[in-house]
Amino acid sequence: MESIEEAIEHIQEHSTHHSDAIISENEQAQTKFSSTIDSAAVYINASTRFTDGGVFGLGCEMGISTQKLHARGPMGLEELCTYKYIIKGNGQIRE
């Protein structure tokens, strides 16, 4: 990719919105990427293979739906909240 904008456009078109990553030393590019990409887990300089409920301290696998949220039954604020994890690393991988 020639620019951060081109990379973001590509991801927005082809992503499953599960987990996406950027490898960059440029802090402005990192910030733009993490604030623009609409994925459940956004990685900066780390492998997307860390997307796991146990690794995130949730004690179980993390289920991520790429469908839009729709109401079923009584719902309050807690049911309407979703999470976006932003993970910063220094080149870590998971084998």
N, C-alpha and C. Protein backbone atom coordinates (compact mmCIF):
# COMPACT_ATOMS: atom_id res chain seq x y z
N MET A 1 0.84 -1.17 0.00
CA MET A 1 0.00 0.00 0.00
C MET A 1 0.89 1.24 0.00
N GLU A 2 0.45 2.24 -0.66
CA GLU A 2 1.22 3.48 -0.78
C GLU A 2 0.97 4.46 0.37
N SER A 3 -0.19 4.33 1.03
CA SER A 3 -0.51 5.29 2.10
C SER A 3 -1.40 4.63 3.14
N ILE A 4 -1.50 5.26 4.30
CA ILE A 4 -2.38 4.77 5.35
C ILE A 4 -3.83 4.83 4.88
N GLU A 5 -4.17 5.86 4.13
CA GLU A 5 -5.54 6.00 3.62
C GLU A 5 -5.90 4.84 2.70
N GLU A 6 -4.96 4.45 1.83
CA GLU A 6 -5.19 3.32 0.92
C GLU A 6 -5.35 2.02 1.70
N ALA A 7 -4.54 1.83 2.74
CA ALA A 7 -4.64 0.62 3.57
C ALA A 7 -5.99 0.58 4.29
N ILE A 8 -6.41 1.71 4.86
CA ILE A 8 -7.70 1.76 5.56
C ILE A 8 -8.84 1.49 4.60
N GLU A 9 -8.79 2.08 3.42
CA GLU A 9 -9.84 1.85 2.42
C GLU A 9 -9.92 0.36 2.04
N HIS A 10 -8.77 -0.26 1.86
CA HIS A 10 -8.73 -1.69 1.52
C HIS A 10 -9.35 -2.54 2.64
N ILE A 11 -8.99 -2.26 3.87
CA ILE A 11 -9.53 -3.01 5.00
C ILE A 11 -11.04 -2.79 5.13
N GLN A 12 -11.49 -1.55 4.98
CA GLN A 12 -12.91 -1.27 5.09
C GLN A 12 -13.72 -2.02 4.04
N GLU A 13 -13.12 -2.23 2.88
CA GLU A 13 -13.80 -2.95 1.80
C GLU A 13 -13.78 -4.46 1.98
N HIS A 14 -12.70 -5.00 2.54
CA HIS A 14 -12.51 -6.45 2.54
C HIS A 14 -12.52 -7.11 3.93
N SER A 15 -12.57 -6.35 4.99
CA SER A 15 -12.45 -6.90 6.34
C SER A 15 -13.71 -7.63 6.80
N THR A 16 -13.53 -8.60 7.69
CA THR A 16 -14.66 -9.24 8.36
C THR A 16 -15.02 -8.48 9.63
N HIS A 17 -14.23 -7.50 10.00
CA HIS A 17 -14.40 -6.68 11.22
C HIS A 17 -14.17 -7.49 12.48
N HIS A 18 -13.42 -8.56 12.36
CA HIS A 18 -13.05 -9.39 13.51
C HIS A 18 -11.78 -8.83 14.14
N SER A 19 -10.67 -8.89 13.42
CA SER A 19 -9.40 -8.34 13.92
C SER A 19 -8.56 -7.89 12.74
N ASP A 20 -7.96 -6.72 12.88
CA ASP A 20 -7.11 -6.16 11.84
C ASP A 20 -5.89 -5.55 12.50
N ALA A 21 -4.80 -5.44 11.73
CA ALA A 21 -3.53 -4.98 12.31
C ALA A 21 -2.81 -4.02 11.39
N ILE A 22 -1.96 -3.21 12.01
CA ILE A 22 -1.05 -2.32 11.29
C ILE A 22 0.35 -2.52 11.88
N ILE A 23 1.33 -2.52 11.01
CA ILE A 23 2.73 -2.53 11.43
C ILE A 23 3.29 -1.18 10.99
N SER A 24 3.61 -0.34 11.96
CA SER A 24 4.07 1.01 11.65
C SER A 24 4.79 1.62 12.84
N GLU A 25 5.81 2.40 12.57
CA GLU A 25 6.48 3.17 13.61
C GLU A 25 5.90 4.57 13.72
N ASN A 26 5.07 4.96 12.76
CA ASN A 26 4.50 6.30 12.70
C ASN A 26 3.29 6.38 13.63
N GLU A 27 3.41 7.18 14.70
CA GLU A 27 2.33 7.27 15.69
C GLU A 27 1.06 7.87 15.12
N GLN A 28 1.17 8.80 14.18
CA GLN A 28 -0.02 9.38 13.56
C GLN A 28 -0.77 8.32 12.75
N ALA A 29 -0.04 7.49 12.03
CA ALA A 29 -0.66 6.41 11.26
C ALA A 29 -1.32 5.40 12.20
N GLN A 30 -0.66 5.08 13.30
CA GLN A 30 -1.22 4.15 14.28
C GLN A 30 -2.53 4.69 14.84
N THR A 31 -2.54 5.96 15.21
CA THR A 31 -3.74 6.57 15.78
C THR A 31 -4.87 6.63 14.76
N LYS A 32 -4.55 7.03 13.55
CA LYS A 32 -5.58 7.09 12.50
C LYS A 32 -6.14 5.71 12.23
N PHE A 33 -5.28 4.70 12.16
CA PHE A 33 -5.71 3.34 11.91
C PHE A 33 -6.63 2.84 13.02
N SER A 34 -6.20 2.98 14.26
CA SER A 34 -6.98 2.44 15.38
C SER A 34 -8.30 3.17 15.58
N SER A 35 -8.36 4.44 15.24
CA SER A 35 -9.62 5.17 15.41
C SER A 35 -10.56 5.01 14.22
N THR A 36 -10.03 4.63 13.06
CA THR A 36 -10.84 4.52 11.85
C THR A 36 -11.35 3.10 11.61
N ILE A 37 -10.54 2.11 11.87
CA ILE A 37 -10.91 0.73 11.58
C ILE A 37 -12.00 0.27 12.56
N ASP A 38 -13.08 -0.27 12.00
CA ASP A 38 -14.23 -0.70 12.79
C ASP A 38 -14.19 -2.21 12.97
N SER A 39 -13.23 -2.69 13.72
CA SER A 39 -13.10 -4.12 14.00
C SER A 39 -13.15 -4.34 15.50
N ALA A 40 -13.49 -5.56 15.91
CA ALA A 40 -13.59 -5.86 17.34
C ALA A 40 -12.22 -5.77 18.02
N ALA A 41 -11.17 -6.14 17.31
CA ALA A 41 -9.81 -6.08 17.85
C ALA A 41 -8.91 -5.43 16.81
N VAL A 42 -8.24 -4.36 17.21
CA VAL A 42 -7.32 -3.65 16.32
C VAL A 42 -5.93 -3.74 16.94
N TYR A 43 -4.99 -4.26 16.17
CA TYR A 43 -3.63 -4.48 16.66
C TYR A 43 -2.68 -3.48 16.04
N ILE A 44 -1.78 -2.98 16.86
CA ILE A 44 -0.71 -2.10 16.40
C ILE A 44 0.61 -2.80 16.72
N ASN A 45 1.32 -3.20 15.69
CA ASN A 45 2.62 -3.87 15.82
C ASN A 45 2.55 -5.16 16.62
N ALA A 46 1.49 -5.94 16.41
CA ALA A 46 1.36 -7.26 17.04
C ALA A 46 0.48 -8.13 16.14
N SER A 47 0.61 -9.43 16.31
CA SER A 47 -0.13 -10.39 15.50
C SER A 47 -1.60 -10.45 15.90
N THR A 48 -2.47 -10.58 14.90
CA THR A 48 -3.90 -10.74 15.16
C THR A 48 -4.22 -12.12 15.75
N ARG A 49 -3.23 -12.99 15.82
CA ARG A 49 -3.45 -14.33 16.40
C ARG A 49 -3.68 -14.28 17.91
N PHE A 50 -3.55 -13.10 18.51
CA PHE A 50 -3.82 -12.96 19.95
C PHE A 50 -5.31 -12.79 20.24
N THR A 51 -6.16 -12.71 19.22
CA THR A 51 -7.59 -12.52 19.44
C THR A 51 -8.17 -13.81 20.02
N ASP A 52 -8.25 -13.84 21.32
CA ASP A 52 -8.68 -15.03 22.04
C ASP A 52 -9.21 -14.57 23.40
N GLY A 53 -10.37 -15.04 23.77
CA GLY A 53 -10.96 -14.63 25.05
C GLY A 53 -10.06 -14.91 26.24
N GLY A 54 -9.36 -16.02 26.22
CA GLY A 54 -8.45 -16.35 27.32
C GLY A 54 -7.30 -15.37 27.42
N VAL A 55 -6.76 -14.98 26.28
CA VAL A 55 -5.66 -14.01 26.25
C VAL A 55 -6.14 -12.65 26.75
N PHE A 56 -7.38 -12.29 26.44
CA PHE A 56 -7.93 -11.01 26.88
C PHE A 56 -8.40 -11.05 28.34
N GLY A 57 -8.22 -12.18 29.01
CA GLY A 57 -8.61 -12.28 30.41
C GLY A 57 -10.09 -12.51 30.63
N LEU A 58 -10.78 -12.97 29.61
CA LEU A 58 -12.22 -13.21 29.72
C LEU A 58 -12.53 -14.64 30.17
N GLY A 59 -11.53 -15.50 30.18
CA GLY A 59 -11.70 -16.86 30.67
C GLY A 59 -12.32 -17.82 29.69
N CYS A 60 -12.67 -17.36 28.50
CA CYS A 60 -13.28 -18.26 27.51
C CYS A 60 -13.03 -17.68 26.12
N GLU A 61 -13.43 -18.45 25.12
CA GLU A 61 -13.32 -17.93 23.77
C GLU A 61 -14.23 -16.72 23.61
N MET A 62 -13.80 -15.81 22.81
CA MET A 62 -14.57 -14.59 22.57
C MET A 62 -15.31 -14.74 21.25
N GLY A 63 -16.62 -14.71 21.29
CA GLY A 63 -17.43 -14.80 20.08
C GLY A 63 -17.68 -13.42 19.53
N ILE A 64 -17.34 -13.23 18.27
CA ILE A 64 -17.54 -11.93 17.65
C ILE A 64 -18.44 -12.11 16.44
N SER A 65 -19.56 -11.46 16.46
CA SER A 65 -20.48 -11.49 15.33
C SER A 65 -20.22 -10.28 14.46
N THR A 66 -20.26 -10.48 13.15
CA THR A 66 -20.10 -9.35 12.24
C THR A 66 -21.45 -8.82 11.80
N GLN A 67 -22.53 -9.33 12.39
CA GLN A 67 -23.86 -8.85 12.07
C GLN A 67 -24.16 -7.59 12.85
N LYS A 68 -25.15 -6.85 12.40
CA LYS A 68 -25.58 -5.65 13.11
C LYS A 68 -26.39 -6.07 14.33
N LEU A 69 -26.25 -5.33 15.40
CA LEU A 69 -26.98 -5.58 16.63
C LEU A 69 -28.44 -5.23 16.43
N HIS A 70 -29.33 -6.12 16.83
CA HIS A 70 -30.75 -5.82 16.78
C HIS A 70 -31.39 -6.27 18.08
N ALA A 71 -32.39 -5.56 18.49
CA ALA A 71 -33.02 -5.79 19.79
C ALA A 71 -33.85 -7.08 19.80
N ARG A 72 -33.73 -7.81 20.92
CA ARG A 72 -34.56 -8.99 21.18
C ARG A 72 -34.91 -8.95 22.64
N GLY A 73 -36.14 -8.74 22.93
CA GLY A 73 -36.57 -8.72 24.32
C GLY A 73 -36.14 -7.44 25.02
N PRO A 74 -36.33 -7.41 26.34
CA PRO A 74 -35.96 -6.21 27.08
C PRO A 74 -34.46 -5.97 27.02
N MET A 75 -34.09 -4.75 26.74
CA MET A 75 -32.67 -4.41 26.64
C MET A 75 -32.40 -3.14 27.41
N GLY A 76 -31.27 -3.13 28.08
CA GLY A 76 -30.81 -1.95 28.79
C GLY A 76 -29.47 -1.52 28.25
N LEU A 77 -28.85 -0.59 28.93
CA LEU A 77 -27.58 -0.04 28.48
C LEU A 77 -26.51 -1.11 28.33
N GLU A 78 -26.44 -2.04 29.28
CA GLU A 78 -25.40 -3.09 29.23
C GLU A 78 -25.53 -3.93 27.96
N GLU A 79 -26.74 -4.25 27.55
CA GLU A 79 -26.95 -5.08 26.36
C GLU A 79 -26.65 -4.32 25.06
N LEU A 80 -26.69 -3.02 25.12
CA LEU A 80 -26.47 -2.21 23.91
C LEU A 80 -25.01 -1.83 23.72
N CYS A 81 -24.16 -2.14 24.68
CA CYS A 81 -22.74 -1.77 24.60
C CYS A 81 -21.94 -2.87 23.90
N THR A 82 -21.02 -2.46 23.07
CA THR A 82 -20.09 -3.39 22.45
C THR A 82 -18.68 -2.90 22.77
N TYR A 83 -17.70 -3.73 22.51
CA TYR A 83 -16.32 -3.40 22.84
C TYR A 83 -15.45 -3.39 21.60
N LYS A 84 -14.46 -2.54 21.63
CA LYS A 84 -13.42 -2.51 20.61
C LYS A 84 -12.10 -2.56 21.37
N TYR A 85 -11.37 -3.63 21.19
CA TYR A 85 -10.07 -3.79 21.86
C TYR A 85 -8.99 -3.22 20.96
N ILE A 86 -8.13 -2.37 21.52
CA ILE A 86 -6.97 -1.84 20.79
C ILE A 86 -5.73 -2.34 21.52
N ILE A 87 -4.95 -3.14 20.81
CA ILE A 87 -3.80 -3.81 21.40
C ILE A 87 -2.53 -3.25 20.78
N LYS A 88 -1.63 -2.74 21.60
CA LYS A 88 -0.35 -2.21 21.11
C LYS A 88 0.77 -3.16 21.50
N GLY A 89 1.65 -3.43 20.56
CA GLY A 89 2.75 -4.32 20.83
C GLY A 89 4.05 -3.80 20.25
N ASN A 90 5.05 -4.65 20.32
CA ASN A 90 6.38 -4.35 19.78
C ASN A 90 6.85 -5.50 18.88
N GLY A 91 5.94 -6.01 18.07
CA GLY A 91 6.29 -7.09 17.15
C GLY A 91 5.99 -8.48 17.68
N GLN A 92 5.19 -8.59 18.74
CA GLN A 92 4.87 -9.90 19.30
C GLN A 92 4.08 -10.75 18.31
N ILE A 93 4.38 -12.04 18.34
CA ILE A 93 3.65 -13.01 17.53
C ILE A 93 3.19 -14.14 18.44
N ARG A 94 2.25 -14.91 17.97
CA ARG A 94 1.75 -16.07 18.71
C ARG A 94 1.82 -17.26 17.76
N GLU A 95 2.57 -18.27 18.15
CA GLU A 95 2.73 -19.43 17.29
C GLU A 95 1.74 -20.50 17.60
